[in-house]
Amino acid sequence: MGVRDLPGEISERKCNTAHSDAEPRLLYDRRTAARQLSISIRSLDYLIQQQRIATRRIGSRVLVSYDELRRFARGNHTDPIVAA
């Protein structure tokens, strides 16, 4: 920890080395995908159930691709997110 770093803060130097060339993950679990879209996990589940968001399965895990998150986020969605 540097002299000017406060507890709990990440210094700019650490940030730059940790994330400067980092590419986004290819697949996200449901919790992370919902967080990326700023919606609840339940809302994400409704969108998946309605096939408005495509998923991939690896074993029992349901994963959403980075490209699918970007595709969904770029659109306007005026319909409420409700159970089908």
PDB file of N, CA and C in Angstrom:
ATOM      1  N   MET A   1       0.845  -1.165   0.000  1.00  0.00           N
ATOM      2  CA  MET A   1       0.000   0.000   0.000  1.00  0.00           C
ATOM      3  C   MET A   1       0.893   1.231   0.000  1.00  0.00           C
ATOM      4  N   GLY A   2       0.644   2.159  -0.910  1.00  0.00           N
ATOM      5  CA  GLY A   2       1.438   3.369  -1.002  1.00  0.00           C
ATOM      6  C   GLY A   2       1.118   4.335   0.124  1.00  0.00           C
ATOM      7  N   VAL A   3       1.958   5.333   0.285  1.00  0.00           N
ATOM      8  CA  VAL A   3       1.802   6.313   1.344  1.00  0.00           C
ATOM      9  C   VAL A   3       0.481   7.062   1.204  1.00  0.00           C
ATOM     10  N   ARG A   4       0.066   7.363  -0.015  1.00  0.00           N
ATOM     11  CA  ARG A   4      -1.146   8.155  -0.224  1.00  0.00           C
ATOM     12  C   ARG A   4      -2.398   7.308  -0.382  1.00  0.00           C
ATOM     13  N   ASP A   5      -2.274   5.999  -0.425  1.00  0.00           N
ATOM     14  CA  ASP A   5      -3.436   5.128  -0.561  1.00  0.00           C
ATOM     15  C   ASP A   5      -4.197   5.063   0.752  1.00  0.00           C
ATOM     16  N   LEU A   6      -5.507   5.116   0.659  1.00  0.00           N
ATOM     17  CA  LEU A   6      -6.348   4.947   1.830  1.00  0.00           C
ATOM     18  C   LEU A   6      -6.748   3.480   1.929  1.00  0.00           C
ATOM     19  N   PRO A   7      -7.022   2.990   3.130  1.00  0.00           N
ATOM     20  CA  PRO A   7      -7.470   1.607   3.257  1.00  0.00           C
ATOM     21  C   PRO A   7      -8.726   1.388   2.415  1.00  0.00           C
ATOM     22  N   GLY A   8      -8.767   0.290   1.693  1.00  0.00           N
ATOM     23  CA  GLY A   8      -9.915  -0.024   0.850  1.00  0.00           C
ATOM     24  C   GLY A   8      -9.867   0.587  -0.535  1.00  0.00           C
ATOM     25  N   GLU A   9      -8.928   1.484  -0.801  1.00  0.00           N
ATOM     26  CA  GLU A   9      -8.800   2.091  -2.124  1.00  0.00           C
ATOM     27  C   GLU A   9      -7.809   1.315  -2.966  1.00  0.00           C
ATOM     28  N   ILE A  10      -8.047   1.302  -4.247  1.00  0.00           N
ATOM     29  CA  ILE A  10      -7.098   0.708  -5.184  1.00  0.00           C
ATOM     30  C   ILE A  10      -6.365   1.853  -5.845  1.00  0.00           C
ATOM     31  N   SER A  11      -5.074   1.836  -5.757  1.00  0.00           N
ATOM     32  CA  SER A  11      -4.311   2.938  -6.339  1.00  0.00           C
ATOM     33  C   SER A  11      -4.434   2.909  -7.857  1.00  0.00           C
ATOM     34  N   GLU A  12      -4.198   4.038  -8.477  1.00  0.00           N
ATOM     35  CA  GLU A  12      -4.271   4.142  -9.935  1.00  0.00           C
ATOM     36  C   GLU A  12      -3.265   3.208 -10.583  1.00  0.00           C
ATOM     37  N   ARG A  13      -2.096   3.076  -9.982  1.00  0.00           N
ATOM     38  CA  ARG A  13      -1.059   2.194 -10.518  1.00  0.00           C
ATOM     39  C   ARG A  13      -1.562   0.757 -10.556  1.00  0.00           C
ATOM     40  N   LYS A  14      -2.184   0.289  -9.488  1.00  0.00           N
ATOM     41  CA  LYS A  14      -2.701  -1.074  -9.444  1.00  0.00           C
ATOM     42  C   LYS A  14      -3.823  -1.250 -10.449  1.00  0.00           C
ATOM     43  N   CYS A  15      -4.688  -0.254 -10.574  1.00  0.00           N
ATOM     44  CA  CYS A  15      -5.797  -0.315 -11.516  1.00  0.00           C
ATOM     45  C   CYS A  15      -5.295  -0.448 -12.945  1.00  0.00           C
ATOM     46  N   ASN A  16      -4.314   0.350 -13.292  1.00  0.00           N
ATOM     47  CA  ASN A  16      -3.807   0.335 -14.661  1.00  0.00           C
ATOM     48  C   ASN A  16      -3.160  -0.985 -15.015  1.00  0.00           C
ATOM     49  N   THR A  17      -2.433  -1.579 -14.083  1.00  0.00           N
ATOM     50  CA  THR A  17      -1.771  -2.836 -14.406  1.00  0.00           C
ATOM     51  C   THR A  17      -2.750  -3.995 -14.399  1.00  0.00           C
ATOM     52  N   ALA A  18      -3.777  -3.924 -13.586  1.00  0.00           N
ATOM     53  CA  ALA A  18      -4.711  -5.041 -13.480  1.00  0.00           C
ATOM     54  C   ALA A  18      -5.728  -5.048 -14.615  1.00  0.00           C
ATOM     55  N   HIS A  19      -6.106  -3.889 -15.160  1.00  0.00           N
ATOM     56  CA  HIS A  19      -7.215  -3.836 -16.105  1.00  0.00           C
ATOM     57  C   HIS A  19      -6.898  -3.147 -17.414  1.00  0.00           C
ATOM     58  N   SER A  20      -5.677  -2.761 -17.654  1.00  0.00           N
ATOM     59  CA  SER A  20      -5.395  -1.954 -18.829  1.00  0.00           C
ATOM     60  C   SER A  20      -5.634  -2.705 -20.132  1.00  0.00           C
ATOM     61  N   ASP A  21      -5.187  -3.931 -20.225  1.00  0.00           N
ATOM     62  CA  ASP A  21      -5.361  -4.695 -21.456  1.00  0.00           C
ATOM     63  C   ASP A  21      -6.373  -5.819 -21.286  1.00  0.00           C
ATOM     64  N   ALA A  22      -7.101  -5.811 -20.199  1.00  0.00           N
ATOM     65  CA  ALA A  22      -8.046  -6.890 -19.927  1.00  0.00           C
ATOM     66  C   ALA A  22      -9.224  -6.814 -20.889  1.00  0.00           C
ATOM     67  N   GLU A  23      -9.559  -7.944 -21.460  1.00  0.00           N
ATOM     68  CA  GLU A  23     -10.728  -8.044 -22.309  1.00  0.00           C
ATOM     69  C   GLU A  23     -11.894  -8.516 -21.457  1.00  0.00           C
ATOM     70  N   PRO A  24     -13.125  -8.212 -21.876  1.00  0.00           N
ATOM     71  CA  PRO A  24     -14.270  -8.683 -21.095  1.00  0.00           C
ATOM     72  C   PRO A  24     -14.358 -10.209 -21.133  1.00  0.00           C
ATOM     73  N   ARG A  25     -14.967 -10.770 -20.127  1.00  0.00           N
ATOM     74  CA  ARG A  25     -15.197 -12.205 -20.125  1.00  0.00           C
ATOM     75  C   ARG A  25     -16.065 -12.576 -21.316  1.00  0.00           C
ATOM     76  N   LEU A  26     -15.968 -13.791 -21.761  1.00  0.00           N
ATOM     77  CA  LEU A  26     -16.821 -14.250 -22.857  1.00  0.00           C
ATOM     78  C   LEU A  26     -18.195 -14.651 -22.358  1.00  0.00           C
ATOM     79  N   LEU A  27     -18.262 -15.258 -21.164  1.00  0.00           N
ATOM     80  CA  LEU A  27     -19.531 -15.726 -20.600  1.00  0.00           C
ATOM     81  C   LEU A  27     -19.676 -15.243 -19.166  1.00  0.00           C
ATOM     82  N   TYR A  28     -20.920 -14.906 -18.787  1.00  0.00           N
ATOM     83  CA  TYR A  28     -21.224 -14.416 -17.446  1.00  0.00           C
ATOM     84  C   TYR A  28     -22.292 -15.295 -16.806  1.00  0.00           C
ATOM     85  N   ASP A  29     -22.157 -15.540 -15.496  1.00  0.00           N
ATOM     86  CA  ASP A  29     -23.218 -16.257 -14.795  1.00  0.00           C
ATOM     87  C   ASP A  29     -24.421 -15.323 -14.659  1.00  0.00           C
ATOM     88  N   ARG A  30     -25.551 -15.864 -14.207  1.00  0.00           N
ATOM     89  CA  ARG A  30     -26.781 -15.081 -14.155  1.00  0.00           C
ATOM     90  C   ARG A  30     -26.650 -13.851 -13.261  1.00  0.00           C
ATOM     91  N   ARG A  31     -26.028 -14.015 -12.114  1.00  0.00           N
ATOM     92  CA  ARG A  31     -25.898 -12.895 -11.179  1.00  0.00           C
ATOM     93  C   ARG A  31     -25.094 -11.752 -11.798  1.00  0.00           C
ATOM     94  N   THR A  32     -23.972 -12.084 -12.406  1.00  0.00           N
ATOM     95  CA  THR A  32     -23.121 -11.060 -13.005  1.00  0.00           C
ATOM     96  C   THR A  32     -23.789 -10.449 -14.232  1.00  0.00           C
ATOM     97  N   ALA A  33     -24.467 -11.274 -15.027  1.00  0.00           N
ATOM     98  CA  ALA A  33     -25.165 -10.756 -16.209  1.00  0.00           C
ATOM     99  C   ALA A  33     -26.257  -9.777 -15.798  1.00  0.00           C
ATOM    100  N   ALA A  34     -27.009 -10.113 -14.759  1.00  0.00           N
ATOM    101  CA  ALA A  34     -28.054  -9.213 -14.276  1.00  0.00           C
ATOM    102  C   ALA A  34     -27.440  -7.908 -13.784  1.00  0.00           C
ATOM    103  N   ARG A  35     -26.335  -7.995 -13.073  1.00  0.00           N
ATOM    104  CA  ARG A  35     -25.664  -6.796 -12.582  1.00  0.00           C
ATOM    105  C   ARG A  35     -25.186  -5.941 -13.755  1.00  0.00           C
ATOM    106  N   GLN A  36     -24.647  -6.570 -14.794  1.00  0.00           N
ATOM    107  CA  GLN A  36     -24.180  -5.817 -15.960  1.00  0.00           C
ATOM    108  C   GLN A  36     -25.322  -5.059 -16.642  1.00  0.00           C
ATOM    109  N   LEU A  37     -26.522  -5.638 -16.627  1.00  0.00           N
ATOM    110  CA  LEU A  37     -27.684  -4.997 -17.249  1.00  0.00           C
ATOM    111  C   LEU A  37     -28.443  -4.091 -16.286  1.00  0.00           C
ATOM    112  N   SER A  38     -28.027  -4.060 -15.029  1.00  0.00           N
ATOM    113  CA  SER A  38     -28.692  -3.255 -13.994  1.00  0.00           C
ATOM    114  C   SER A  38     -30.135  -3.692 -13.778  1.00  0.00           C
ATOM    115  N   ILE A  39     -30.346  -5.001 -13.777  1.00  0.00           N
ATOM    116  CA  ILE A  39     -31.671  -5.561 -13.494  1.00  0.00           C
ATOM    117  C   ILE A  39     -31.506  -6.659 -12.454  1.00  0.00           C
ATOM    118  N   SER A  40     -32.623  -7.126 -11.924  1.00  0.00           N
ATOM    119  CA  SER A  40     -32.581  -8.196 -10.934  1.00  0.00           C
ATOM    120  C   SER A  40     -32.359  -9.547 -11.623  1.00  0.00           C
ATOM    121  N   ILE A  41     -31.934 -10.512 -10.838  1.00  0.00           N
ATOM    122  CA  ILE A  41     -31.752 -11.866 -11.375  1.00  0.00           C
ATOM    123  C   ILE A  41     -33.101 -12.415 -11.834  1.00  0.00           C
ATOM    124  N   ARG A  42     -34.152 -12.126 -11.096  1.00  0.00           N
ATOM    125  CA  ARG A  42     -35.487 -12.593 -11.486  1.00  0.00           C
ATOM    126  C   ARG A  42     -35.890 -12.005 -12.834  1.00  0.00           C
ATOM    127  N   SER A  43     -35.632 -10.717 -13.048  1.00  0.00           N
ATOM    128  CA  SER A  43     -35.944 -10.104 -14.348  1.00  0.00           C
ATOM    129  C   SER A  43     -35.141 -10.760 -15.460  1.00  0.00           C
ATOM    130  N   LEU A  44     -33.870 -11.047 -15.192  1.00  0.00           N
ATOM    131  CA  LEU A  44     -33.047 -11.748 -16.186  1.00  0.00           C
ATOM    132  C   LEU A  44     -33.635 -13.115 -16.485  1.00  0.00           C
ATOM    133  N   ASP A  45     -34.075 -13.824 -15.449  1.00  0.00           N
ATOM    134  CA  ASP A  45     -34.690 -15.143 -15.653  1.00  0.00           C
ATOM    135  C   ASP A  45     -35.939 -15.046 -16.525  1.00  0.00           C
ATOM    136  N   TYR A  46     -36.754 -14.002 -16.321  1.00  0.00           N
ATOM    137  CA  TYR A  46     -37.934 -13.807 -17.168  1.00  0.00           C
ATOM    138  C   TYR A  46     -37.529 -13.565 -18.617  1.00  0.00           C
ATOM    139  N   LEU A  47     -36.504 -12.754 -18.827  1.00  0.00           N
ATOM    140  CA  LEU A  47     -36.038 -12.477 -20.191  1.00  0.00           C
ATOM    141  C   LEU A  47     -35.493 -13.737 -20.859  1.00  0.00           C
ATOM    142  N   ILE A  48     -34.806 -14.565 -20.086  1.00  0.00           N
ATOM    143  CA  ILE A  48     -34.294 -15.835 -20.614  1.00  0.00           C
ATOM    144  C   ILE A  48     -35.453 -16.755 -20.961  1.00  0.00           C
ATOM    145  N   GLN A  49     -36.442 -16.845 -20.059  1.00  0.00           N
ATOM    146  CA  GLN A  49     -37.601 -17.702 -20.281  1.00  0.00           C
ATOM    147  C   GLN A  49     -38.364 -17.284 -21.540  1.00  0.00           C
ATOM    148  N   GLN A  50     -38.454 -15.974 -21.783  1.00  0.00           N
ATOM    149  CA  GLN A  50     -39.153 -15.446 -22.957  1.00  0.00           C
ATOM    150  C   GLN A  50     -38.277 -15.468 -24.209  1.00  0.00           C
ATOM    151  N   GLN A  51     -37.069 -15.981 -24.084  1.00  0.00           N
ATOM    152  CA  GLN A  51     -36.090 -16.078 -25.169  1.00  0.00           C
ATOM    153  C   GLN A  51     -35.739 -14.710 -25.748  1.00  0.00           C
ATOM    154  N   ARG A  52     -35.770 -13.679 -24.898  1.00  0.00           N
ATOM    155  CA  ARG A  52     -35.327 -12.345 -25.300  1.00  0.00           C
ATOM    156  C   ARG A  52     -33.829 -12.202 -25.071  1.00  0.00           C
ATOM    157  N   ILE A  53     -33.258 -13.102 -24.260  1.00  0.00           N
ATOM    158  CA  ILE A  53     -31.816 -13.183 -24.048  1.00  0.00           C
ATOM    159  C   ILE A  53     -31.419 -14.641 -24.217  1.00  0.00           C
ATOM    160  N   ALA A  54     -30.478 -14.888 -25.111  1.00  0.00           N
ATOM    161  CA  ALA A  54     -30.001 -16.242 -25.374  1.00  0.00           C
ATOM    162  C   ALA A  54     -28.958 -16.639 -24.327  1.00  0.00           C
ATOM    163  N   THR A  55     -28.908 -17.908 -24.019  1.00  0.00           N
ATOM    164  CA  THR A  55     -27.966 -18.408 -23.021  1.00  0.00           C
ATOM    165  C   THR A  55     -27.166 -19.574 -23.575  1.00  0.00           C
ATOM    166  N   ARG A  56     -26.129 -19.917 -22.855  1.00  0.00           N
ATOM    167  CA  ARG A  56     -25.318 -21.108 -23.107  1.00  0.00           C
ATOM    168  C   ARG A  56     -25.339 -21.918 -21.825  1.00  0.00           C
ATOM    169  N   ARG A  57     -25.247 -23.212 -21.938  1.00  0.00           N
ATOM    170  CA  ARG A  57     -25.196 -24.067 -20.759  1.00  0.00           C
ATOM    171  C   ARG A  57     -23.880 -24.818 -20.744  1.00  0.00           C
ATOM    172  N   ILE A  58     -23.265 -24.833 -19.592  1.00  0.00           N
ATOM    173  CA  ILE A  58     -22.094 -25.665 -19.348  1.00  0.00           C
ATOM    174  C   ILE A  58     -22.425 -26.443 -18.083  1.00  0.00           C
ATOM    175  N   GLY A  59     -22.696 -27.716 -18.257  1.00  0.00           N
ATOM    176  CA  GLY A  59     -23.179 -28.507 -17.134  1.00  0.00           C
ATOM    177  C   GLY A  59     -24.521 -27.952 -16.691  1.00  0.00           C
ATOM    178  N   SER A  60     -24.645 -27.673 -15.421  1.00  0.00           N
ATOM    179  CA  SER A  60     -25.897 -27.125 -14.905  1.00  0.00           C
ATOM    180  C   SER A  60     -25.888 -25.598 -14.879  1.00  0.00           C
ATOM    181  N   ARG A  61     -24.774 -24.985 -15.256  1.00  0.00           N
ATOM    182  CA  ARG A  61     -24.663 -23.521 -15.212  1.00  0.00           C
ATOM    183  C   ARG A  61     -25.302 -22.875 -16.430  1.00  0.00           C
ATOM    184  N   VAL A  62     -26.061 -21.825 -16.186  1.00  0.00           N
ATOM    185  CA  VAL A  62     -26.663 -21.024 -17.252  1.00  0.00           C
ATOM    186  C   VAL A  62     -25.804 -19.783 -17.393  1.00  0.00           C
ATOM    187  N   LEU A  63     -25.268 -19.571 -18.598  1.00  0.00           N
ATOM    188  CA  LEU A  63     -24.344 -18.466 -18.840  1.00  0.00           C
ATOM    189  C   LEU A  63     -24.851 -17.605 -19.991  1.00  0.00           C
ATOM    190  N   VAL A  64     -24.555 -16.310 -19.909  1.00  0.00           N
ATOM    191  CA  VAL A  64     -24.950 -15.358 -20.940  1.00  0.00           C
ATOM    192  C   VAL A  64     -23.673 -14.789 -21.544  1.00  0.00           C
ATOM    193  N   SER A  65     -23.617 -14.746 -22.861  1.00  0.00           N
ATOM    194  CA  SER A  65     -22.410 -14.266 -23.524  1.00  0.00           C
ATOM    195  C   SER A  65     -22.317 -12.737 -23.458  1.00  0.00           C
ATOM    196  N   TYR A  66     -21.106 -12.256 -23.521  1.00  0.00           N
ATOM    197  CA  TYR A  66     -20.824 -10.816 -23.551  1.00  0.00           C
ATOM    198  C   TYR A  66     -21.542 -10.167 -24.736  1.00  0.00           C
ATOM    199  N   ASP A  67     -21.472 -10.806 -25.898  1.00  0.00           N
ATOM    200  CA  ASP A  67     -22.115 -10.260 -27.094  1.00  0.00           C
ATOM    201  C   ASP A  67     -23.627 -10.164 -26.924  1.00  0.00           C
ATOM    202  N   GLU A  68     -24.219 -11.160 -26.253  1.00  0.00           N
ATOM    203  CA  GLU A  68     -25.664 -11.144 -26.021  1.00  0.00           C
ATOM    204  C   GLU A  68     -26.048 -10.020 -25.063  1.00  0.00           C
ATOM    205  N   LEU A  69     -25.248  -9.792 -24.047  1.00  0.00           N
ATOM    206  CA  LEU A  69     -25.499  -8.683 -23.124  1.00  0.00           C
ATOM    207  C   LEU A  69     -25.425  -7.351 -23.860  1.00  0.00           C
ATOM    208  N   ARG A  70     -24.421  -7.190 -24.710  1.00  0.00           N
ATOM    209  CA  ARG A  70     -24.281  -5.948 -25.483  1.00  0.00           C
ATOM    210  C   ARG A  70     -25.449  -5.772 -26.446  1.00  0.00           C
ATOM    211  N   ARG A  71     -25.855  -6.850 -27.105  1.00  0.00           N
ATOM    212  CA  ARG A  71     -26.986  -6.779 -28.045  1.00  0.00           C
ATOM    213  C   ARG A  71     -28.241  -6.308 -27.321  1.00  0.00           C
ATOM    214  N   PHE A  72     -28.521  -6.917 -26.173  1.00  0.00           N
ATOM    215  CA  PHE A  72     -29.724  -6.553 -25.428  1.00  0.00           C
ATOM    216  C   PHE A  72     -29.634  -5.115 -24.912  1.00  0.00           C
ATOM    217  N   ALA A  73     -28.485  -4.729 -24.410  1.00  0.00           N
ATOM    218  CA  ALA A  73     -28.319  -3.400 -23.834  1.00  0.00           C
ATOM    219  C   ALA A  73     -28.431  -2.293 -24.882  1.00  0.00           C
ATOM    220  N   ARG A  74     -28.110  -2.585 -26.113  1.00  0.00           N
ATOM    221  CA  ARG A  74     -28.166  -1.566 -27.179  1.00  0.00           C
ATOM    222  C   ARG A  74     -29.590  -1.247 -27.610  1.00  0.00           C
ATOM    223  N   GLY A  75     -30.535  -2.142 -27.331  1.00  0.00           N
ATOM    224  CA  GLY A  75     -31.901  -1.936 -27.787  1.00  0.00           C
ATOM    225  C   GLY A  75     -32.742  -1.172 -26.787  1.00  0.00           C
ATOM    226  N   ASN A  76     -33.871  -0.668 -27.269  1.00  0.00           N
ATOM    227  CA  ASN A  76     -34.879  -0.066 -26.404  1.00  0.00           C
ATOM    228  C   ASN A  76     -35.894  -1.144 -26.065  1.00  0.00           C
ATOM    229  N   HIS A  77     -36.248  -1.229 -24.792  1.00  0.00           N
ATOM    230  CA  HIS A  77     -37.184  -2.268 -24.332  1.00  0.00           C
ATOM    231  C   HIS A  77     -38.270  -1.590 -23.528  1.00  0.00           C
ATOM    232  N   THR A  78     -39.384  -1.306 -24.192  1.00  0.00           N
ATOM    233  CA  THR A  78     -40.472  -0.568 -23.548  1.00  0.00           C
ATOM    234  C   THR A  78     -41.465  -1.474 -22.850  1.00  0.00           C
ATOM    235  N   ASP A  79     -41.478  -2.754 -23.203  1.00  0.00           N
ATOM    236  CA  ASP A  79     -42.401  -3.691 -22.559  1.00  0.00           C
ATOM    237  C   ASP A  79     -41.927  -4.004 -21.163  1.00  0.00           C
ATOM    238  N   PRO A  80     -42.841  -4.130 -20.199  1.00  0.00           N
ATOM    239  CA  PRO A  80     -42.420  -4.492 -18.840  1.00  0.00           C
ATOM    240  C   PRO A  80     -41.869  -5.905 -18.809  1.00  0.00           C
ATOM    241  N   ILE A  81     -40.956  -6.139 -17.891  1.00  0.00           N
ATOM    242  CA  ILE A  81     -40.372  -7.471 -17.724  1.00  0.00           C
ATOM    243  C   ILE A  81     -41.244  -8.204 -16.712  1.00  0.00           C
ATOM    244  N   VAL A  82     -42.037  -9.135 -17.204  1.00  0.00           N
ATOM    245  CA  VAL A  82     -42.937  -9.900 -16.331  1.00  0.00           C
ATOM    246  C   VAL A  82     -42.865 -11.375 -16.688  1.00  0.00           C
ATOM    247  N   ALA A  83     -43.372 -12.211 -15.790  1.00  0.00           N
ATOM    248  CA  ALA A  83     -43.393 -13.651 -16.048  1.00  0.00           C
ATOM    249  C   ALA A  83     -44.260 -13.948 -17.257  1.00  0.00           C
ATOM    250  N   ALA A  84     -43.851 -14.933 -18.021  1.00  0.00           N
ATOM    251  CA  ALA A  84     -44.575 -15.290 -19.247  1.00  0.00           C
ATOM    252  C   ALA A  84     -45.868 -16.014 -18.940  1.00  0.00           C
TER     253      ALA A  84
END
